[in-house]
Amino acid sequence: MNIRRARPSDKNMVLDLCMNTFEWGDYIDKVWDNWISDPLGLLLVYESTASSSTSKLSPLGIIHIVKCLDNILWLEGLRVNKIHRNKGIATALLKYSLDYGSNNGIEEYGALVSENNFASQNMMEKFGFSRFFEYNYYNINLKKYRTTCNLSFEPEPKFSMKLDIQVPHFRDLLLIREYLSNPDLLKFCPYKYFDSWRLYNLKIGFSDLFAFLRKNELLMIVDENKNIVGIVIVKPLKIHSFYDTPMIQISYLNCINISILQRVIQILLRKYCDDTLFNNAHFLLPFFTGLDKIFNIHCIQYTDRFYLYSRSI
């Protein structure tokens, strides 16, 4: 077994083995440069064993591991050359990553696995990972949503409860913290937020909330009495390695009253449709939210279901 840190010269060979990972291709070509230069991450390759002194070694598999906040090691981008699968390469890369984490004081491991990736699910569970939560992912084309729904011309629907989206001020942080401290929120989803295909623990201390506020990433949904009924974290990404167009990422969305969730999402979509700065909106939400009912099929560029796998030391 020969697992080593990736080198720039590996790029073309790795991209060749990742060319047709999914029906739509793969994203490794878009993140390679960032991953190989990431000071907090480690891009590993599993190299073939030379059969003779003249044989050229080539990568047969890769994995990217990155140390996130709260001493979490995030695992992503595990790929194995199709003709070399079922030979223990993925298992070796995962074991190497876990050993690396334990030798560097990691307290928790995390990964997102597609609902249809049964091989990866079985491997994760074999290594002691548990399925922590289930998410639905939506990539919504805002231009098509705006066109099909005629948002620019139709009046806002009337509801018995009027809701509004507001940008909070510093003085609102106490109320936001009190809202997020409600244990009933855990019935909806865990305290984790989504950022570029990684999930981070959501802390609700004043300094943590202020950091979101300062970057204009924190929104609150209020009713007609100005009571908070939902909290949203958004991340505007005008340029991103994964995507070719400007997009708004709904990183966290929580409502104690689940019945208003679809209305909250409609309000968010209206806001960003009218904004016209972003071409797409991305959601990673609890599996039971059923957003297919409010999204026209022509507006959904991509959707999938993912399991969050976690393992604690």
Protein backbone atom coordinates (compact mmCIF):
# COMPACT_ATOMS: atom_id res chain seq x y z
CA MET A 1 0.00 0.00 0.00
CA ASN A 2 1.33 3.43 -0.91
CA ILE A 3 -0.74 6.38 0.30
CA ARG A 4 0.87 9.78 0.03
CA ARG A 5 0.08 13.47 -0.25
CA ALA A 6 -1.07 14.45 -3.73
CA ARG A 7 1.31 16.34 -5.98
CA PRO A 8 0.42 18.90 -8.68
CA SER A 9 1.70 16.44 -11.27
CA ASP A 10 -1.07 13.99 -10.26
CA LYS A 11 -3.82 16.30 -11.45
CA ASN A 12 -4.46 15.01 -14.97
CA MET A 13 -4.32 11.35 -13.94
CA VAL A 14 -6.69 11.95 -11.03
CA LEU A 15 -9.14 13.89 -13.19
CA ASP A 16 -9.12 11.01 -15.68
CA LEU A 17 -10.20 8.52 -13.00
CA CYS A 18 -12.91 10.96 -11.78
CA MET A 19 -14.28 11.79 -15.22
CA ASN A 20 -17.52 9.80 -15.04
CA THR A 21 -18.07 9.28 -11.32
CA PHE A 22 -21.72 10.38 -11.52
CA GLU A 23 -24.22 10.64 -14.36
CA TRP A 24 -23.42 14.34 -14.64
CA GLY A 25 -19.64 13.85 -14.29
CA ASP A 26 -17.75 15.02 -11.19
CA TYR A 27 -16.64 18.17 -9.40
CA ILE A 28 -13.04 17.22 -8.55
CA ASP A 29 -11.72 19.25 -11.48
CA LYS A 30 -13.29 22.36 -9.95
CA VAL A 31 -11.82 21.89 -6.47
CA TRP A 32 -8.45 20.27 -7.17
CA ASP A 33 -6.41 23.48 -7.02
CA ASN A 34 -8.07 24.59 -3.77
CA TRP A 35 -7.77 21.18 -2.15
CA ILE A 36 -4.11 20.64 -2.96
CA SER A 37 -3.16 24.07 -1.60
CA ASP A 38 -5.50 24.07 1.43
CA PRO A 39 -3.34 24.59 4.57
CA LEU A 40 -6.03 22.98 6.76
CA GLY A 41 -6.57 20.01 4.48
CA LEU A 42 -4.75 17.00 3.16
CA LEU A 43 -5.35 15.61 -0.34
CA LEU A 44 -4.27 11.98 -0.41
CA VAL A 45 -3.75 9.58 -3.30
CA TYR A 46 -3.53 5.82 -3.29
CA GLU A 47 -0.73 4.95 -5.65
CA SER A 48 -0.34 1.77 -7.67
CA THR A 49 2.50 -0.58 -6.87
CA ALA A 50 5.08 -0.84 -9.61
CA SER A 51 5.37 -4.31 -11.13
CA SER A 52 8.88 -3.58 -12.40
CA SER A 53 11.54 -0.93 -12.15
CA THR A 54 10.30 0.65 -15.36
CA SER A 55 6.60 0.69 -14.46
CA LYS A 56 5.09 4.10 -13.88
CA LEU A 57 3.18 4.63 -10.65
CA SER A 58 -0.25 6.19 -11.03
CA PRO A 59 -3.03 7.25 -8.61
CA LEU A 60 -5.80 4.68 -8.26
CA GLY A 61 -7.83 6.55 -5.63
CA ILE A 62 -8.06 9.82 -3.73
CA ILE A 63 -9.61 11.33 -0.61
CA HIS A 64 -9.59 14.87 0.79
CA ILE A 65 -9.62 15.39 4.53
CA VAL A 66 -9.84 18.79 6.19
CA LYS A 67 -9.78 19.86 9.82
CA CYS A 68 -12.84 21.99 10.49
CA LEU A 69 -13.98 23.94 13.52
CA ASP A 70 -14.54 22.11 16.82
CA ASN A 71 -11.83 19.54 16.02
CA ILE A 72 -13.92 17.81 13.36
CA LEU A 73 -12.17 16.02 10.50
CA TRP A 74 -14.35 16.24 7.40
CA LEU A 75 -13.99 13.49 4.78
CA GLU A 76 -14.86 14.19 1.15
CA GLY A 77 -14.04 13.36 -2.43
CA LEU A 78 -13.33 9.64 -1.92
CA ARG A 79 -12.83 8.24 -5.42
CA VAL A 80 -11.44 4.97 -6.78
CA ASN A 81 -10.64 4.10 -10.38
CA LYS A 82 -13.57 2.01 -11.65
CA ILE A 83 -11.42 -0.87 -12.86
CA HIS A 84 -9.70 -1.12 -9.46
CA ARG A 85 -12.76 -1.07 -7.22
CA ASN A 86 -13.48 -3.85 -4.70
CA LYS A 87 -9.75 -4.22 -4.04
CA GLY A 88 -9.70 -2.48 -0.65
CA ILE A 89 -8.46 0.88 -1.95
CA ALA A 90 -11.33 2.94 -0.53
CA THR A 91 -11.05 1.06 2.77
CA ALA A 92 -7.32 1.77 2.92
CA LEU A 93 -7.83 5.49 2.24
CA LEU A 94 -10.54 5.76 4.90
CA LYS A 95 -8.47 3.87 7.49
CA TYR A 96 -5.46 6.09 6.75
CA SER A 97 -7.63 9.19 7.24
CA LEU A 98 -9.02 7.95 10.55
CA ASP A 99 -5.52 7.08 11.79
CA TYR A 100 -4.34 10.53 10.75
CA GLY A 101 -7.16 12.09 12.74
CA SER A 102 -6.52 10.06 15.89
CA ASN A 103 -2.81 10.96 15.72
CA ASN A 104 -3.66 14.65 15.47
CA GLY A 105 -6.18 15.00 18.29
CA ILE A 106 -9.36 14.84 16.20
CA GLU A 107 -12.48 14.31 18.31
CA GLU A 108 -15.10 13.75 15.60
CA TYR A 109 -15.33 12.70 11.96
CA GLY A 110 -18.04 13.68 9.51
CA ALA A 111 -19.08 13.02 5.91
CA LEU A 112 -22.05 13.40 3.57
CA VAL A 113 -23.01 10.27 1.63
CA SER A 114 -25.62 10.09 -1.12
CA GLU A 115 -28.71 8.02 -0.42
CA ASN A 116 -27.90 5.81 -3.43
CA ASN A 117 -24.23 5.23 -2.56
CA PHE A 118 -24.72 1.94 -0.74
CA ALA A 119 -21.07 0.89 -0.96
CA SER A 120 -19.90 4.03 0.86
CA GLN A 121 -22.68 3.70 3.43
CA ASN A 122 -21.66 0.13 4.23
CA MET A 123 -18.01 1.10 4.47
CA MET A 124 -18.72 4.03 6.81
CA GLU A 125 -20.81 1.86 9.10
CA LYS A 126 -18.10 -0.82 9.07
CA PHE A 127 -15.71 1.78 10.47
CA GLY A 128 -18.05 2.78 13.28
CA PHE A 129 -19.81 5.73 11.69
CA SER A 130 -23.47 6.29 12.49
CA ARG A 131 -26.13 7.82 10.26
CA PHE A 132 -26.70 11.04 12.17
CA PHE A 133 -29.29 12.83 10.03
CA GLU A 134 -30.95 12.84 6.63
CA TYR A 135 -31.05 15.84 4.31
CA ASN A 136 -32.65 16.81 1.02
CA TYR A 137 -30.55 18.96 -1.27
CA TYR A 138 -32.04 21.30 -3.88
CA ASN A 139 -30.31 23.44 -6.49
CA ILE A 140 -32.93 25.93 -7.69
CA ASN A 141 -32.57 28.02 -10.84
CA LEU A 142 -33.86 31.41 -9.69
CA LYS A 143 -34.37 32.76 -13.18
CA LYS A 144 -36.67 29.87 -14.09
CA TYR A 145 -38.41 30.12 -10.74
CA ARG A 146 -39.03 33.82 -11.31
CA THR A 147 -40.31 33.22 -14.84
CA THR A 148 -42.58 30.26 -14.14
CA CYS A 149 -44.06 31.79 -11.01
CA ASN A 150 -44.30 35.33 -12.44
CA LEU A 151 -42.98 36.69 -9.17
CA SER A 152 -42.34 40.08 -10.66
CA PHE A 153 -46.01 40.56 -11.49
CA GLU A 154 -48.12 38.50 -9.08
CA PRO A 155 -49.02 40.00 -5.69
CA GLU A 156 -47.72 38.20 -2.64
CA PRO A 157 -50.17 35.48 -1.50
CA LYS A 158 -52.33 36.34 1.49
CA PHE A 159 -51.98 34.23 4.63
CA SER A 160 -53.62 34.31 8.02
CA MET A 161 -50.22 35.07 9.59
CA LYS A 162 -48.15 37.79 8.01
CA LEU A 163 -44.43 36.99 7.87
CA ASP A 164 -41.52 39.25 7.08
CA ILE A 165 -37.82 38.71 6.56
CA GLN A 166 -35.50 41.13 8.36
CA VAL A 167 -31.80 41.79 8.66
CA PRO A 168 -31.11 41.83 12.43
CA HIS A 169 -29.21 44.46 14.35
CA PHE A 170 -26.79 43.89 17.20
CA ARG A 171 -29.58 44.56 19.69
CA ASP A 172 -31.49 41.58 18.25
CA LEU A 173 -28.79 39.05 19.12
CA LEU A 174 -30.20 38.39 22.59
CA LEU A 175 -33.61 37.54 21.13
CA ILE A 176 -32.03 35.39 18.44
CA ARG A 177 -29.99 33.53 21.03
CA GLU A 178 -33.09 32.94 23.15
CA TYR A 179 -34.96 31.64 20.10
CA LEU A 180 -32.14 29.26 19.15
CA SER A 181 -31.89 28.02 22.75
CA ASN A 182 -35.37 26.49 22.51
CA PRO A 183 -34.88 22.69 22.79
CA ASP A 184 -37.88 22.14 20.49
CA LEU A 185 -35.70 23.22 17.57
CA LEU A 186 -33.81 19.95 17.81
CA LYS A 187 -37.01 18.17 16.79
CA PHE A 188 -36.63 19.90 13.44
CA CYS A 189 -32.90 19.49 12.73
CA PRO A 190 -29.53 19.40 14.51
CA TYR A 191 -27.55 22.53 15.27
CA LYS A 192 -25.43 22.34 12.14
CA TYR A 193 -25.04 24.71 9.20
CA PHE A 194 -24.13 23.93 5.61
CA ASP A 195 -21.19 25.59 3.87
CA SER A 196 -19.86 24.35 0.54
CA TRP A 197 -20.73 20.68 1.09
CA ARG A 198 -19.49 20.59 4.66
CA LEU A 199 -21.54 20.70 7.85
CA TYR A 200 -20.34 22.64 10.87
CA ASN A 201 -21.62 22.80 14.43
CA LEU A 202 -23.78 25.87 14.95
CA LYS A 203 -22.77 27.71 18.10
CA ILE A 204 -25.14 30.29 19.52
CA GLY A 205 -22.86 32.34 21.74
CA PHE A 206 -22.89 36.11 21.21
CA SER A 207 -19.50 36.14 19.49
CA ASP A 208 -20.55 33.32 17.14
CA LEU A 209 -23.83 34.99 16.17
CA PHE A 210 -22.10 38.34 15.80
CA ALA A 211 -19.66 36.79 13.34
CA PHE A 212 -22.60 35.83 11.08
CA LEU A 213 -24.18 39.25 11.62
CA ARG A 214 -21.00 41.09 10.71
CA LYS A 215 -20.74 39.19 7.41
CA ASN A 216 -24.42 39.90 6.59
CA GLU A 217 -25.21 36.19 6.72
CA LEU A 218 -27.88 36.24 9.43
CA LEU A 219 -31.60 36.79 8.78
CA MET A 220 -34.66 36.46 10.97
CA ILE A 221 -38.26 35.71 10.08
CA VAL A 222 -40.77 37.61 12.19
CA ASP A 223 -44.57 37.61 12.46
CA GLU A 224 -46.90 40.64 12.59
CA ASN A 225 -46.05 41.08 16.30
CA LYS A 226 -42.31 41.15 15.53
CA ASN A 227 -41.81 37.81 17.24
CA ILE A 228 -39.08 35.64 15.78
CA VAL A 229 -40.50 32.53 14.12
CA GLY A 230 -37.44 31.47 12.13
CA ILE A 231 -33.71 32.01 11.78
CA VAL A 232 -31.80 31.77 8.52
CA ILE A 233 -28.09 31.76 7.74
CA VAL A 234 -27.27 32.58 4.13
CA LYS A 235 -23.96 32.64 2.30
CA PRO A 236 -23.81 34.65 -0.93
CA LEU A 237 -21.21 33.09 -3.23
CA LYS A 238 -20.52 35.21 -6.29
CA ILE A 239 -17.47 33.15 -7.20
CA HIS A 240 -17.06 29.59 -6.01
CA SER A 241 -14.90 26.66 -7.08
CA PHE A 242 -17.89 24.29 -7.25
CA TYR A 243 -20.16 26.47 -9.37
CA ASP A 244 -19.85 28.59 -12.46
CA THR A 245 -22.60 31.08 -11.61
CA PRO A 246 -23.34 33.35 -8.63
CA MET A 247 -25.50 31.56 -6.08
CA ILE A 248 -27.04 32.05 -2.66
CA GLN A 249 -26.59 29.20 -0.23
CA ILE A 250 -29.25 28.69 2.44
CA SER A 251 -26.84 27.38 5.05
CA TYR A 252 -29.27 27.04 7.94
CA LEU A 253 -33.02 27.34 8.27
CA ASN A 254 -35.02 26.55 11.37
CA CYS A 255 -38.64 27.16 12.33
CA ILE A 256 -40.29 25.93 15.51
CA ASN A 257 -43.59 26.01 13.65
CA ILE A 258 -42.99 23.50 10.86
CA SER A 259 -46.28 24.44 9.18
CA ILE A 260 -44.86 27.81 8.07
CA LEU A 261 -41.61 26.40 6.69
CA GLN A 262 -42.74 26.33 3.07
CA ARG A 263 -43.95 29.92 3.36
CA VAL A 264 -40.58 30.96 4.79
CA ILE A 265 -38.83 29.37 1.82
CA GLN A 266 -41.18 31.14 -0.58
CA ILE A 267 -40.29 34.44 1.10
CA LEU A 268 -36.58 33.68 0.72
CA LEU A 269 -36.97 32.75 -2.93
CA ARG A 270 -38.97 35.90 -3.61
CA LYS A 271 -36.24 37.97 -1.97
CA TYR A 272 -33.45 36.50 -4.08
CA CYS A 273 -35.50 36.36 -7.27
CA ASP A 274 -36.20 40.06 -6.95
CA ASP A 275 -32.54 40.68 -6.07
CA THR A 276 -31.36 39.26 -9.45
CA LEU A 277 -27.76 39.13 -8.20
CA PHE A 278 -27.83 35.35 -7.98
CA ASN A 279 -28.61 32.73 -10.57
CA ASN A 280 -29.20 29.82 -8.21
CA ALA A 281 -30.29 29.06 -4.64
CA HIS A 282 -29.06 25.99 -2.79
CA PHE A 283 -30.88 24.35 0.11
CA LEU A 284 -29.82 21.49 2.37
CA LEU A 285 -32.85 20.81 4.54
CA PRO A 286 -34.33 18.02 6.69
CA PHE A 287 -35.70 15.20 4.55
CA PHE A 288 -39.30 15.67 5.72
CA THR A 289 -39.69 19.25 4.46
CA GLY A 290 -41.21 18.15 1.12
CA LEU A 291 -40.15 21.17 -0.93
CA ASP A 292 -40.95 19.41 -4.19
CA LYS A 293 -44.49 20.68 -3.63
CA ILE A 294 -43.48 24.31 -4.01
CA PHE A 295 -40.69 23.95 -6.58
CA ASN A 296 -41.69 23.65 -10.22
CA ILE A 297 -39.80 20.70 -11.69
CA HIS A 298 -38.32 22.98 -14.36
CA CYS A 299 -36.76 25.14 -11.65
CA ILE A 300 -34.88 22.29 -9.99
CA GLN A 301 -31.50 21.87 -11.65
CA TYR A 302 -30.45 19.10 -9.29
CA THR A 303 -31.79 17.35 -6.23
CA ASP A 304 -30.53 14.49 -4.10
CA ARG A 305 -30.87 13.01 -0.64
CA PHE A 306 -27.84 12.74 1.63
CA TYR A 307 -27.04 11.11 4.93
CA LEU A 308 -24.79 12.83 7.41
CA TYR A 309 -22.46 10.23 8.87
CA SER A 310 -20.63 10.96 12.10
CA ARG A 311 -18.18 9.20 14.36
CA SER A 312 -16.94 10.50 17.71
CA ILE A 313 -13.76 9.47 19.49
